[in-house]
Amino acid sequence: KKYDWKDSSPAITQNRFCGVQALSGTGAVRLGMAFLFRYYPNKTVYVSKPTWGNHFGILKDTGFTDVREYRYYKKETRGLDLQGMLEDLRSAPEGSIILLHACAHNPTGVDPNRE
């Protein structure tokens, strides 16, 4: 399979790149968390507040027990609580796993952007 990476990328030339295909976002989160639980030493996971309800079940099923929330949605503005999110993530223990919705945030629909 050809990926959209430069052939000169260190990840490619040093044979450190691989791909995994998953069925749906839920399947992708499940595979990613199973991998992290098995191979990553830190077991603290942060999820947005709010997050999709199934994330807690996925994390529990994969073995994570230290699941914390970071601020994400600000009701007053109906938008991203950027200051709260950054404050919470900066105070997270080093090496924590952050589950970030890069787009199509469920359940709020609020996506991070450059503004």
PDB file of N, CA and C in Angstrom:
ATOM      1  N   LYS A   1       0.841  -1.184   0.000  1.00  0.00           N
ATOM      2  CA  LYS A   1       0.000   0.000   0.000  1.00  0.00           C
ATOM      3  C   LYS A   1       0.879   1.237   0.000  1.00  0.00           C
ATOM      4  N   LYS A   2       0.558   2.183  -0.832  1.00  0.00           N
ATOM      5  CA  LYS A   2       1.286   3.452  -0.905  1.00  0.00           C
ATOM      6  C   LYS A   2       0.571   4.475  -0.026  1.00  0.00           C
ATOM      7  N   TYR A   3       1.318   5.120   0.878  1.00  0.00           N
ATOM      8  CA  TYR A   3       0.756   6.125   1.772  1.00  0.00           C
ATOM      9  C   TYR A   3       1.145   7.505   1.291  1.00  0.00           C
ATOM     10  N   ASP A   4       0.435   8.494   1.746  1.00  0.00           N
ATOM     11  CA  ASP A   4       0.698   9.873   1.351  1.00  0.00           C
ATOM     12  C   ASP A   4       1.794  10.481   2.231  1.00  0.00           C
ATOM     13  N   TRP A   5       2.949   9.861   2.221  1.00  0.00           N
ATOM     14  CA  TRP A   5       4.128  10.329   2.945  1.00  0.00           C
ATOM     15  C   TRP A   5       5.268  10.428   1.945  1.00  0.00           C
ATOM     16  N   LYS A   6       6.147  11.347   2.190  1.00  0.00           N
ATOM     17  CA  LYS A   6       7.321  11.448   1.326  1.00  0.00           C
ATOM     18  C   LYS A   6       8.174  10.203   1.508  1.00  0.00           C
ATOM     19  N   ASP A   7       8.682   9.663   0.409  1.00  0.00           N
ATOM     20  CA  ASP A   7       9.544   8.481   0.486  1.00  0.00           C
ATOM     21  C   ASP A   7      10.811   8.752   1.288  1.00  0.00           C
ATOM     22  N   SER A   8      11.195  10.038   1.420  1.00  0.00           N
ATOM     23  CA  SER A   8      12.405  10.384   2.172  1.00  0.00           C
ATOM     24  C   SER A   8      12.123  10.611   3.658  1.00  0.00           C
ATOM     25  N   SER A   9      10.881  10.496   4.066  1.00  0.00           N
ATOM     26  CA  SER A   9      10.527  10.696   5.477  1.00  0.00           C
ATOM     27  C   SER A   9      11.298   9.706   6.349  1.00  0.00           C
ATOM     28  N   PRO A  10      11.864  10.157   7.484  1.00  0.00           N
ATOM     29  CA  PRO A  10      12.592   9.237   8.373  1.00  0.00           C
ATOM     30  C   PRO A  10      11.718   8.052   8.823  1.00  0.00           C
ATOM     31  N   ALA A  11      10.432   8.279   9.014  1.00  0.00           N
ATOM     32  CA  ALA A  11       9.559   7.171   9.418  1.00  0.00           C
ATOM     33  C   ALA A  11       9.533   6.083   8.343  1.00  0.00           C
ATOM     34  N   ILE A  12       9.637   6.476   7.079  1.00  0.00           N
ATOM     35  CA  ILE A  12       9.641   5.511   5.975  1.00  0.00           C
ATOM     36  C   ILE A  12      11.029   4.891   5.826  1.00  0.00           C
ATOM     37  N   THR A  13      12.061   5.725   5.754  1.00  0.00           N
ATOM     38  CA  THR A  13      13.408   5.207   5.490  1.00  0.00           C
ATOM     39  C   THR A  13      13.943   4.350   6.642  1.00  0.00           C
ATOM     40  N   GLN A  14      13.487   4.605   7.860  1.00  0.00           N
ATOM     41  CA  GLN A  14      13.928   3.824   9.012  1.00  0.00           C
ATOM     42  C   GLN A  14      12.961   2.685   9.339  1.00  0.00           C
ATOM     43  N   ASN A  15      12.025   2.458   8.449  1.00  0.00           N
ATOM     44  CA  ASN A  15      11.080   1.349   8.583  1.00  0.00           C
ATOM     45  C   ASN A  15      10.302   1.395   9.912  1.00  0.00           C
ATOM     46  N   ARG A  16       9.835   2.612  10.291  1.00  0.00           N
ATOM     47  CA  ARG A  16       9.095   2.792  11.539  1.00  0.00           C
ATOM     48  C   ARG A  16       7.631   3.123  11.285  1.00  0.00           C
ATOM     49  N   PHE A  17       7.158   2.992  10.093  1.00  0.00           N
ATOM     50  CA  PHE A  17       5.800   3.381   9.747  1.00  0.00           C
ATOM     51  C   PHE A  17       4.968   2.152   9.424  1.00  0.00           C
ATOM     52  N   CYS A  18       3.768   2.141   9.932  1.00  0.00           N
ATOM     53  CA  CYS A  18       2.847   1.078   9.577  1.00  0.00           C
ATOM     54  C   CYS A  18       1.442   1.647   9.553  1.00  0.00           C
ATOM     55  N   GLY A  19       0.529   0.935   9.004  1.00  0.00           N
ATOM     56  CA  GLY A  19      -0.860   1.366   8.945  1.00  0.00           C
ATOM     57  C   GLY A  19      -1.777   0.280   9.461  1.00  0.00           C
ATOM     58  N   VAL A  20      -2.897   0.693   9.984  1.00  0.00           N
ATOM     59  CA  VAL A  20      -3.903  -0.235  10.485  1.00  0.00           C
ATOM     60  C   VAL A  20      -5.256   0.239   9.979  1.00  0.00           C
ATOM     61  N   GLN A  21      -6.054  -0.668   9.507  1.00  0.00           N
ATOM     62  CA  GLN A  21      -7.384  -0.324   9.037  1.00  0.00           C
ATOM     63  C   GLN A  21      -8.400  -0.773  10.082  1.00  0.00           C
ATOM     64  N   ALA A  22      -9.379   0.087  10.350  1.00  0.00           N
ATOM     65  CA  ALA A  22     -10.405  -0.237  11.346  1.00  0.00           C
ATOM     66  C   ALA A  22     -11.775   0.061  10.772  1.00  0.00           C
ATOM     67  N   LEU A  23     -12.748  -0.590  11.328  1.00  0.00           N
ATOM     68  CA  LEU A  23     -14.126  -0.350  10.937  1.00  0.00           C
ATOM     69  C   LEU A  23     -14.690   0.731  11.851  1.00  0.00           C
ATOM     70  N   SER A  24     -14.901   1.904  11.353  1.00  0.00           N
ATOM     71  CA  SER A  24     -15.524   3.037  12.044  1.00  0.00           C
ATOM     72  C   SER A  24     -14.600   3.700  13.055  1.00  0.00           C
ATOM     73  N   GLY A  25     -15.043   4.844  13.546  1.00  0.00           N
ATOM     74  CA  GLY A  25     -14.280   5.558  14.565  1.00  0.00           C
ATOM     75  C   GLY A  25     -14.191   4.769  15.855  1.00  0.00           C
ATOM     76  N   THR A  26     -15.278   4.103  16.229  1.00  0.00           N
ATOM     77  CA  THR A  26     -15.275   3.298  17.447  1.00  0.00           C
ATOM     78  C   THR A  26     -14.254   2.172  17.340  1.00  0.00           C
ATOM     79  N   GLY A  27     -14.211   1.509  16.204  1.00  0.00           N
ATOM     80  CA  GLY A  27     -13.236   0.438  16.000  1.00  0.00           C
ATOM     81  C   GLY A  27     -11.814   0.965  16.035  1.00  0.00           C
ATOM     82  N   ALA A  28     -11.603   2.154  15.466  1.00  0.00           N
ATOM     83  CA  ALA A  28     -10.264   2.745  15.465  1.00  0.00           C
ATOM     84  C   ALA A  28      -9.828   3.100  16.880  1.00  0.00           C
ATOM     85  N   VAL A  29     -10.736   3.681  17.670  1.00  0.00           N
ATOM     86  CA  VAL A  29     -10.395   4.006  19.060  1.00  0.00           C
ATOM     87  C   VAL A  29     -10.090   2.730  19.834  1.00  0.00           C
ATOM     88  N   ARG A  30     -10.874   1.693  19.624  1.00  0.00           N
ATOM     89  CA  ARG A  30     -10.675   0.420  20.328  1.00  0.00           C
ATOM     90  C   ARG A  30      -9.306  -0.183  19.989  1.00  0.00           C
ATOM     91  N   LEU A  31      -8.951  -0.202  18.719  1.00  0.00           N
ATOM     92  CA  LEU A  31      -7.646  -0.739  18.315  1.00  0.00           C
ATOM     93  C   LEU A  31      -6.500   0.097  18.872  1.00  0.00           C
ATOM     94  N   GLY A  32      -6.628   1.412  18.775  1.00  0.00           N
ATOM     95  CA  GLY A  32      -5.582   2.294  19.272  1.00  0.00           C
ATOM     96  C   GLY A  32      -5.380   2.155  20.767  1.00  0.00           C
ATOM     97  N   MET A  33      -6.460   2.094  21.518  1.00  0.00           N
ATOM     98  CA  MET A  33      -6.351   1.979  22.972  1.00  0.00           C
ATOM     99  C   MET A  33      -5.821   0.609  23.395  1.00  0.00           C
ATOM    100  N   ALA A  34      -6.205  -0.431  22.674  1.00  0.00           N
ATOM    101  CA  ALA A  34      -5.663  -1.763  22.984  1.00  0.00           C
ATOM    102  C   ALA A  34      -4.149  -1.778  22.766  1.00  0.00           C
ATOM    103  N   PHE A  35      -3.701  -1.154  21.682  1.00  0.00           N
ATOM    104  CA  PHE A  35      -2.269  -1.062  21.405  1.00  0.00           C
ATOM    105  C   PHE A  35      -1.553  -0.283  22.509  1.00  0.00           C
ATOM    106  N   LEU A  36      -2.096   0.887  22.856  1.00  0.00           N
ATOM    107  CA  LEU A  36      -1.463   1.713  23.886  1.00  0.00           C
ATOM    108  C   LEU A  36      -1.436   1.015  25.235  1.00  0.00           C
ATOM    109  N   PHE A  37      -2.517   0.332  25.588  1.00  0.00           N
ATOM    110  CA  PHE A  37      -2.544  -0.355  26.878  1.00  0.00           C
ATOM    111  C   PHE A  37      -1.472  -1.444  26.934  1.00  0.00           C
ATOM    112  N   ARG A  38      -1.292  -2.099  25.830  1.00  0.00           N
ATOM    113  CA  ARG A  38      -0.343  -3.214  25.791  1.00  0.00           C
ATOM    114  C   ARG A  38       1.118  -2.761  25.751  1.00  0.00           C
ATOM    115  N   TYR A  39       1.397  -1.694  25.000  1.00  0.00           N
ATOM    116  CA  TYR A  39       2.790  -1.336  24.750  1.00  0.00           C
ATOM    117  C   TYR A  39       3.261  -0.015  25.343  1.00  0.00           C
ATOM    118  N   TYR A  40       2.359   0.808  25.836  1.00  0.00           N
ATOM    119  CA  TYR A  40       2.749   2.121  26.357  1.00  0.00           C
ATOM    120  C   TYR A  40       2.747   2.067  27.878  1.00  0.00           C
ATOM    121  N   PRO A  41       3.803   2.562  28.524  1.00  0.00           N
ATOM    122  CA  PRO A  41       3.902   2.397  29.973  1.00  0.00           C
ATOM    123  C   PRO A  41       2.900   3.218  30.789  1.00  0.00           C
ATOM    124  N   ASN A  42       2.503   4.392  30.289  1.00  0.00           N
ATOM    125  CA  ASN A  42       1.603   5.245  31.062  1.00  0.00           C
ATOM    126  C   ASN A  42       0.162   4.799  30.849  1.00  0.00           C
ATOM    127  N   LYS A  43      -0.588   4.682  31.912  1.00  0.00           N
ATOM    128  CA  LYS A  43      -1.967   4.186  31.824  1.00  0.00           C
ATOM    129  C   LYS A  43      -2.999   5.254  32.161  1.00  0.00           C
ATOM    130  N   THR A  44      -2.607   6.534  32.210  1.00  0.00           N
ATOM    131  CA  THR A  44      -3.552   7.624  32.460  1.00  0.00           C
ATOM    132  C   THR A  44      -4.080   8.127  31.126  1.00  0.00           C
ATOM    133  N   VAL A  45      -5.404   8.158  30.985  1.00  0.00           N
ATOM    134  CA  VAL A  45      -6.033   8.605  29.741  1.00  0.00           C
ATOM    135  C   VAL A  45      -6.932   9.793  30.039  1.00  0.00           C
ATOM    136  N   TYR A  46      -6.852  10.802  29.197  1.00  0.00           N
ATOM    137  CA  TYR A  46      -7.727  11.959  29.289  1.00  0.00           C
ATOM    138  C   TYR A  46      -8.702  11.955  28.115  1.00  0.00           C
ATOM    139  N   VAL A  47      -9.977  12.200  28.425  1.00  0.00           N
ATOM    140  CA  VAL A  47     -11.016  12.337  27.403  1.00  0.00           C
ATOM    141  C   VAL A  47     -11.667  13.700  27.579  1.00  0.00           C
ATOM    142  N   SER A  48     -12.224  14.228  26.511  1.00  0.00           N
ATOM    143  CA  SER A  48     -12.869  15.533  26.595  1.00  0.00           C
ATOM    144  C   SER A  48     -14.141  15.454  27.432  1.00  0.00           C
ATOM    145  N   LYS A  49     -14.507  16.612  27.992  1.00  0.00           N
ATOM    146  CA  LYS A  49     -15.750  16.708  28.754  1.00  0.00           C
ATOM    147  C   LYS A  49     -16.646  17.674  28.016  1.00  0.00           C
ATOM    148  N   PRO A  50     -17.695  17.197  27.357  1.00  0.00           N
ATOM    149  CA  PRO A  50     -18.143  15.813  27.279  1.00  0.00           C
ATOM    150  C   PRO A  50     -17.399  15.043  26.186  1.00  0.00           C
ATOM    151  N   THR A  51     -17.572  13.747  26.201  1.00  0.00           N
ATOM    152  CA  THR A  51     -17.050  12.888  25.138  1.00  0.00           C
ATOM    153  C   THR A  51     -18.144  11.920  24.727  1.00  0.00           C
ATOM    154  N   TRP A  52     -17.889  11.166  23.727  1.00  0.00           N
ATOM    155  CA  TRP A  52     -18.849  10.177  23.275  1.00  0.00           C
ATOM    156  C   TRP A  52     -18.957   9.103  24.351  1.00  0.00           C
ATOM    157  N   GLY A  53     -20.162   8.725  24.731  1.00  0.00           N
ATOM    158  CA  GLY A  53     -20.397   7.800  25.825  1.00  0.00           C
ATOM    159  C   GLY A  53     -19.682   6.471  25.704  1.00  0.00           C
ATOM    160  N   ASN A  54     -19.488   5.998  24.482  1.00  0.00           N
ATOM    161  CA  ASN A  54     -18.842   4.692  24.330  1.00  0.00           C
ATOM    162  C   ASN A  54     -17.351   4.712  24.632  1.00  0.00           C
ATOM    163  N   HIS A  55     -16.745   5.895  24.708  1.00  0.00           N
ATOM    164  CA  HIS A  55     -15.311   5.954  25.003  1.00  0.00           C
ATOM    165  C   HIS A  55     -14.997   5.357  26.377  1.00  0.00           C
ATOM    166  N   PHE A  56     -15.847   5.601  27.360  1.00  0.00           N
ATOM    167  CA  PHE A  56     -15.605   5.060  28.699  1.00  0.00           C
ATOM    168  C   PHE A  56     -15.649   3.528  28.680  1.00  0.00           C
ATOM    169  N   GLY A  57     -16.590   2.959  27.950  1.00  0.00           N
ATOM    170  CA  GLY A  57     -16.672   1.505  27.837  1.00  0.00           C
ATOM    171  C   GLY A  57     -15.474   0.916  27.119  1.00  0.00           C
ATOM    172  N   ILE A  58     -15.029   1.582  26.066  1.00  0.00           N
ATOM    173  CA  ILE A  58     -13.851   1.120  25.323  1.00  0.00           C
ATOM    174  C   ILE A  58     -12.625   1.129  26.234  1.00  0.00           C
ATOM    175  N   LEU A  59     -12.447   2.213  26.964  1.00  0.00           N
ATOM    176  CA  LEU A  59     -11.277   2.321  27.851  1.00  0.00           C
ATOM    177  C   LEU A  59     -11.324   1.272  28.952  1.00  0.00           C
ATOM    178  N   LYS A  60     -12.477   1.057  29.533  1.00  0.00           N
ATOM    179  CA  LYS A  60     -12.608   0.038  30.574  1.00  0.00           C
ATOM    180  C   LYS A  60     -12.342  -1.351  29.995  1.00  0.00           C
ATOM    181  N   ASP A  61     -12.894  -1.608  28.813  1.00  0.00           N
ATOM    182  CA  ASP A  61     -12.727  -2.919  28.179  1.00  0.00           C
ATOM    183  C   ASP A  61     -11.269  -3.206  27.831  1.00  0.00           C
ATOM    184  N   THR A  62     -10.507  -2.181  27.501  1.00  0.00           N
ATOM    185  CA  THR A  62      -9.100  -2.394  27.155  1.00  0.00           C
ATOM    186  C   THR A  62      -8.198  -2.413  28.381  1.00  0.00           C
ATOM    187  N   GLY A  63      -8.746  -2.116  29.568  1.00  0.00           N
ATOM    188  CA  GLY A  63      -7.975  -2.243  30.791  1.00  0.00           C
ATOM    189  C   GLY A  63      -7.630  -0.947  31.500  1.00  0.00           C
ATOM    190  N   PHE A  64      -7.929   0.178  30.891  1.00  0.00           N
ATOM    191  CA  PHE A  64      -7.604   1.459  31.527  1.00  0.00           C
ATOM    192  C   PHE A  64      -8.548   1.722  32.698  1.00  0.00           C
ATOM    193  N   THR A  65      -7.964   2.123  33.823  1.00  0.00           N
ATOM    194  CA  THR A  65      -8.778   2.448  34.994  1.00  0.00           C
ATOM    195  C   THR A  65      -8.604   3.896  35.439  1.00  0.00           C
ATOM    196  N   ASP A  66      -7.516   4.538  35.031  1.00  0.00           N
ATOM    197  CA  ASP A  66      -7.280   5.940  35.386  1.00  0.00           C
ATOM    198  C   ASP A  66      -7.693   6.818  34.209  1.00  0.00           C
ATOM    199  N   VAL A  67      -8.993   7.101  34.134  1.00  0.00           N
ATOM    200  CA  VAL A  67      -9.540   7.910  33.036  1.00  0.00           C
ATOM    201  C   VAL A  67      -9.985   9.246  33.621  1.00  0.00           C
ATOM    202  N   ARG A  68      -9.455  10.312  33.073  1.00  0.00           N
ATOM    203  CA  ARG A  68      -9.742  11.664  33.558  1.00  0.00           C
ATOM    204  C   ARG A  68     -10.322  12.495  32.420  1.00  0.00           C
ATOM    205  N   GLU A  69     -10.952  13.599  32.787  1.00  0.00           N
ATOM    206  CA  GLU A  69     -11.558  14.471  31.775  1.00  0.00           C
ATOM    207  C   GLU A  69     -10.815  15.803  31.701  1.00  0.00           C
ATOM    208  N   TYR A  70     -10.756  16.357  30.503  1.00  0.00           N
ATOM    209  CA  TYR A  70     -10.259  17.714  30.326  1.00  0.00           C
ATOM    210  C   TYR A  70     -11.399  18.554  29.783  1.00  0.00           C
ATOM    211  N   ARG A  71     -11.412  19.820  30.178  1.00  0.00           N
ATOM    212  CA  ARG A  71     -12.469  20.723  29.716  1.00  0.00           C
ATOM    213  C   ARG A  71     -12.394  20.873  28.201  1.00  0.00           C
ATOM    214  N   TYR A  72     -13.551  20.905  27.592  1.00  0.00           N
ATOM    215  CA  TYR A  72     -13.603  21.017  26.131  1.00  0.00           C
ATOM    216  C   TYR A  72     -14.667  22.005  25.678  1.00  0.00           C
ATOM    217  N   TYR A  73     -15.883  21.812  26.133  1.00  0.00           N
ATOM    218  CA  TYR A  73     -17.022  22.601  25.660  1.00  0.00           C
ATOM    219  C   TYR A  73     -17.378  23.693  26.665  1.00  0.00           C
ATOM    220  N   LYS A  74     -17.614  24.886  26.141  1.00  0.00           N
ATOM    221  CA  LYS A  74     -18.003  26.018  26.980  1.00  0.00           C
ATOM    222  C   LYS A  74     -19.432  26.406  26.627  1.00  0.00           C
ATOM    223  N   LYS A  75     -20.366  26.106  27.533  1.00  0.00           N
ATOM    224  CA  LYS A  75     -21.784  26.357  27.272  1.00  0.00           C
ATOM    225  C   LYS A  75     -22.075  27.811  26.943  1.00  0.00           C
ATOM    226  N   GLU A  76     -21.425  28.711  27.674  1.00  0.00           N
ATOM    227  CA  GLU A  76     -21.706  30.142  27.505  1.00  0.00           C
ATOM    228  C   GLU A  76     -21.462  30.630  26.082  1.00  0.00           C
ATOM    229  N   THR A  77     -20.478  30.082  25.432  1.00  0.00           N
ATOM    230  CA  THR A  77     -20.147  30.522  24.069  1.00  0.00           C
ATOM    231  C   THR A  77     -20.555  29.505  23.010  1.00  0.00           C
ATOM    232  N   ARG A  78     -21.024  28.351  23.481  1.00  0.00           N
ATOM    233  CA  ARG A  78     -21.320  27.237  22.570  1.00  0.00           C
ATOM    234  C   ARG A  78     -20.110  26.910  21.693  1.00  0.00           C
ATOM    235  N   GLY A  79     -18.957  26.958  22.307  1.00  0.00           N
ATOM    236  CA  GLY A  79     -17.733  26.722  21.557  1.00  0.00           C
ATOM    237  C   GLY A  79     -16.686  26.011  22.399  1.00  0.00           C
ATOM    238  N   LEU A  80     -15.506  25.974  21.865  1.00  0.00           N
ATOM    239  CA  LEU A  80     -14.372  25.318  22.498  1.00  0.00           C
ATOM    240  C   LEU A  80     -13.892  26.123  23.705  1.00  0.00           C
ATOM    241  N   ASP A  81     -13.683  25.468  24.819  1.00  0.00           N
ATOM    242  CA  ASP A  81     -13.093  26.087  26.003  1.00  0.00           C
ATOM    243  C   ASP A  81     -11.583  25.901  25.893  1.00  0.00           C
ATOM    244  N   LEU A  82     -10.977  26.665  25.005  1.00  0.00           N
ATOM    245  CA  LEU A  82      -9.552  26.487  24.714  1.00  0.00           C
ATOM    246  C   LEU A  82      -8.696  26.712  25.952  1.00  0.00           C
ATOM    247  N   GLN A  83      -8.962  27.776  26.691  1.00  0.00           N
ATOM    248  CA  GLN A  83      -8.157  28.059  27.879  1.00  0.00           C
ATOM    249  C   GLN A  83      -8.260  26.932  28.903  1.00  0.00           C
ATOM    250  N   GLY A  84      -9.484  26.458  29.159  1.00  0.00           N
ATOM    251  CA  GLY A  84      -9.681  25.367  30.109  1.00  0.00           C
ATOM    252  C   GLY A  84      -9.022  24.083  29.642  1.00  0.00           C
ATOM    253  N   MET A  85      -9.159  23.799  28.341  1.00  0.00           N
ATOM    254  CA  MET A  85      -8.556  22.588  27.790  1.00  0.00           C
ATOM    255  C   MET A  85      -7.038  22.625  27.940  1.00  0.00           C
ATOM    256  N   LEU A  86      -6.423  23.745  27.545  1.00  0.00           N
ATOM    257  CA  LEU A  86      -4.969  23.858  27.630  1.00  0.00           C
ATOM    258  C   LEU A  86      -4.494  23.787  29.076  1.00  0.00           C
ATOM    259  N   GLU A  87      -5.230  24.409  29.995  1.00  0.00           N
ATOM    260  CA  GLU A  87      -4.862  24.353  31.410  1.00  0.00           C
ATOM    261  C   GLU A  87      -4.889  22.909  31.918  1.00  0.00           C
ATOM    262  N   ASP A  88      -5.956  22.182  31.586  1.00  0.00           N
ATOM    263  CA  ASP A  88      -6.076  20.795  32.041  1.00  0.00           C
ATOM    264  C   ASP A  88      -4.995  19.906  31.436  1.00  0.00           C
ATOM    265  N   LEU A  89      -4.718  20.084  30.150  1.00  0.00           N
ATOM    266  CA  LEU A  89      -3.720  19.235  29.496  1.00  0.00           C
ATOM    267  C   LEU A  89      -2.307  19.561  29.963  1.00  0.00           C
ATOM    268  N   ARG A  90      -2.054  20.831  30.253  1.00  0.00           N
ATOM    269  CA  ARG A  90      -0.725  21.197  30.771  1.00  0.00           C
ATOM    270  C   ARG A  90      -0.487  20.600  32.154  1.00  0.00           C
ATOM    271  N   SER A  91      -1.552  20.411  32.920  1.00  0.00           N
ATOM    272  CA  SER A  91      -1.383  19.866  34.270  1.00  0.00           C
ATOM    273  C   SER A  91      -1.479  18.333  34.298  1.00  0.00           C
ATOM    274  N   ALA A  92      -1.686  17.716  33.144  1.00  0.00           N
ATOM    275  CA  ALA A  92      -1.741  16.243  33.071  1.00  0.00           C
ATOM    276  C   ALA A  92      -0.357  15.666  33.371  1.00  0.00           C
ATOM    277  N   PRO A  93      -0.328  14.514  34.022  1.00  0.00           N
ATOM    278  CA  PRO A  93       0.974  13.879  34.263  1.00  0.00           C
ATOM    279  C   PRO A  93       1.728  13.636  32.944  1.00  0.00           C
ATOM    280  N   GLU A  94       3.031  13.792  32.981  1.00  0.00           N
ATOM    281  CA  GLU A  94       3.842  13.568  31.784  1.00  0.00           C
ATOM    282  C   GLU A  94       3.591  12.168  31.234  1.00  0.00           C
ATOM    283  N   GLY A  95       3.436  12.084  29.931  1.00  0.00           N
ATOM    284  CA  GLY A  95       3.222  10.795  29.285  1.00  0.00           C
ATOM    285  C   GLY A  95       1.779  10.358  29.227  1.00  0.00           C
ATOM    286  N   SER A  96       0.857  11.186  29.713  1.00  0.00           N
ATOM    287  CA  SER A  96      -0.560  10.819  29.667  1.00  0.00           C
ATOM    288  C   SER A  96      -1.025  10.640  28.226  1.00  0.00           C
ATOM    289  N   ILE A  97      -2.013   9.808  28.057  1.00  0.00           N
ATOM    290  CA  ILE A  97      -2.630   9.569  26.752  1.00  0.00           C
ATOM    291  C   ILE A  97      -3.810  10.519  26.626  1.00  0.00           C
ATOM    292  N   ILE A  98      -3.880  11.248  25.517  1.00  0.00           N
ATOM    293  CA  ILE A  98      -4.959  12.206  25.304  1.00  0.00           C
ATOM    294  C   ILE A  98      -5.809  11.721  24.136  1.00  0.00           C
ATOM    295  N   LEU A  99      -7.086  11.478  24.393  1.00  0.00           N
ATOM    296  CA  LEU A  99      -8.021  11.123  23.322  1.00  0.00           C
ATOM    297  C   LEU A  99      -8.620  12.425  22.825  1.00  0.00           C
ATOM    298  N   LEU A 100      -8.199  12.831  21.642  1.00  0.00           N
ATOM    299  CA  LEU A 100      -8.604  14.116  21.064  1.00  0.00           C
ATOM    300  C   LEU A 100      -9.425  13.880  19.808  1.00  0.00           C
ATOM    301  N   HIS A 101     -10.579  14.505  19.752  1.00  0.00           N
ATOM    302  CA  HIS A 101     -11.398  14.463  18.537  1.00  0.00           C
ATOM    303  C   HIS A 101     -10.847  15.552  17.618  1.00  0.00           C
ATOM    304  N   ALA A 102     -10.167  15.199  16.594  1.00  0.00           N
ATOM    305  CA  ALA A 102      -9.572  16.192  15.697  1.00  0.00           C
ATOM    306  C   ALA A 102     -10.626  16.899  14.847  1.00  0.00           C
ATOM    307  N   CYS A 103     -11.736  16.227  14.621  1.00  0.00           N
ATOM    308  CA  CYS A 103     -12.847  16.835  13.894  1.00  0.00           C
ATOM    309  C   CYS A 103     -14.113  16.056  14.221  1.00  0.00           C
ATOM    310  N   ALA A 104     -15.252  16.652  13.935  1.00  0.00           N
ATOM    311  CA  ALA A 104     -16.554  16.025  14.165  1.00  0.00           C
ATOM    312  C   ALA A 104     -16.715  15.597  15.625  1.00  0.00           C
ATOM    313  N   HIS A 105     -16.371  16.520  16.542  1.00  0.00           N
ATOM    314  CA  HIS A 105     -16.447  16.199  17.973  1.00  0.00           C
ATOM    315  C   HIS A 105     -17.850  15.740  18.329  1.00  0.00           C
ATOM    316  N   ASN A 106     -17.890  14.579  18.941  1.00  0.00           N
ATOM    317  CA  ASN A 106     -19.162  14.003  19.352  1.00  0.00           C
ATOM    318  C   ASN A 106     -19.202  14.049  20.875  1.00  0.00           C
ATOM    319  N   PRO A 107     -20.137  14.661  21.512  1.00  0.00           N
ATOM    320  CA  PRO A 107     -21.467  15.039  21.038  1.00  0.00           C
ATOM    321  C   PRO A 107     -21.669  16.518  20.731  1.00  0.00           C
ATOM    322  N   THR A 108     -20.649  17.374  20.835  1.00  0.00           N
ATOM    323  CA  THR A 108     -20.889  18.823  20.717  1.00  0.00           C
ATOM    324  C   THR A 108     -20.876  19.363  19.294  1.00  0.00           C
ATOM    325  N   GLY A 109     -20.128  18.738  18.392  1.00  0.00           N
ATOM    326  CA  GLY A 109     -19.977  19.283  17.047  1.00  0.00           C
ATOM    327  C   GLY A 109     -18.968  20.423  16.987  1.00  0.00           C
ATOM    328  N   VAL A 110     -18.345  20.750  18.106  1.00  0.00           N
ATOM    329  CA  VAL A 110     -17.366  21.851  18.156  1.00  0.00           C
ATOM    330  C   VAL A 110     -15.988  21.295  17.822  1.00  0.00           C
ATOM    331  N   ASP A 111     -15.396  21.808  16.766  1.00  0.00           N
ATOM    332  CA  ASP A 111     -14.088  21.338  16.331  1.00  0.00           C
ATOM    333  C   ASP A 111     -13.014  22.386  16.601  1.00  0.00           C
ATOM    334  N   PRO A 112     -11.824  21.953  17.024  1.00  0.00           N
ATOM    335  CA  PRO A 112     -10.724  22.911  17.162  1.00  0.00           C
ATOM    336  C   PRO A 112     -10.365  23.482  15.787  1.00  0.00           C
ATOM    337  N   ASN A 113     -10.013  24.742  15.769  1.00  0.00           N
ATOM    338  CA  ASN A 113      -9.528  25.352  14.527  1.00  0.00           C
ATOM    339  C   ASN A 113      -8.529  26.437  14.877  1.00  0.00           C
ATOM    340  N   ARG A 114      -7.967  27.083  13.884  1.00  0.00           N
ATOM    341  CA  ARG A 114      -6.909  28.067  14.115  1.00  0.00           C
ATOM    342  C   ARG A 114      -7.416  29.331  14.804  1.00  0.00           C
ATOM    343  N   GLU A 115      -8.698  29.631  14.699  1.00  0.00           N
ATOM    344  CA  GLU A 115      -9.235  30.826  15.374  1.00  0.00           C
ATOM    345  C   GLU A 115      -9.375  30.514  16.822  1.00  0.00           C
TER     346      GLU A 115
END
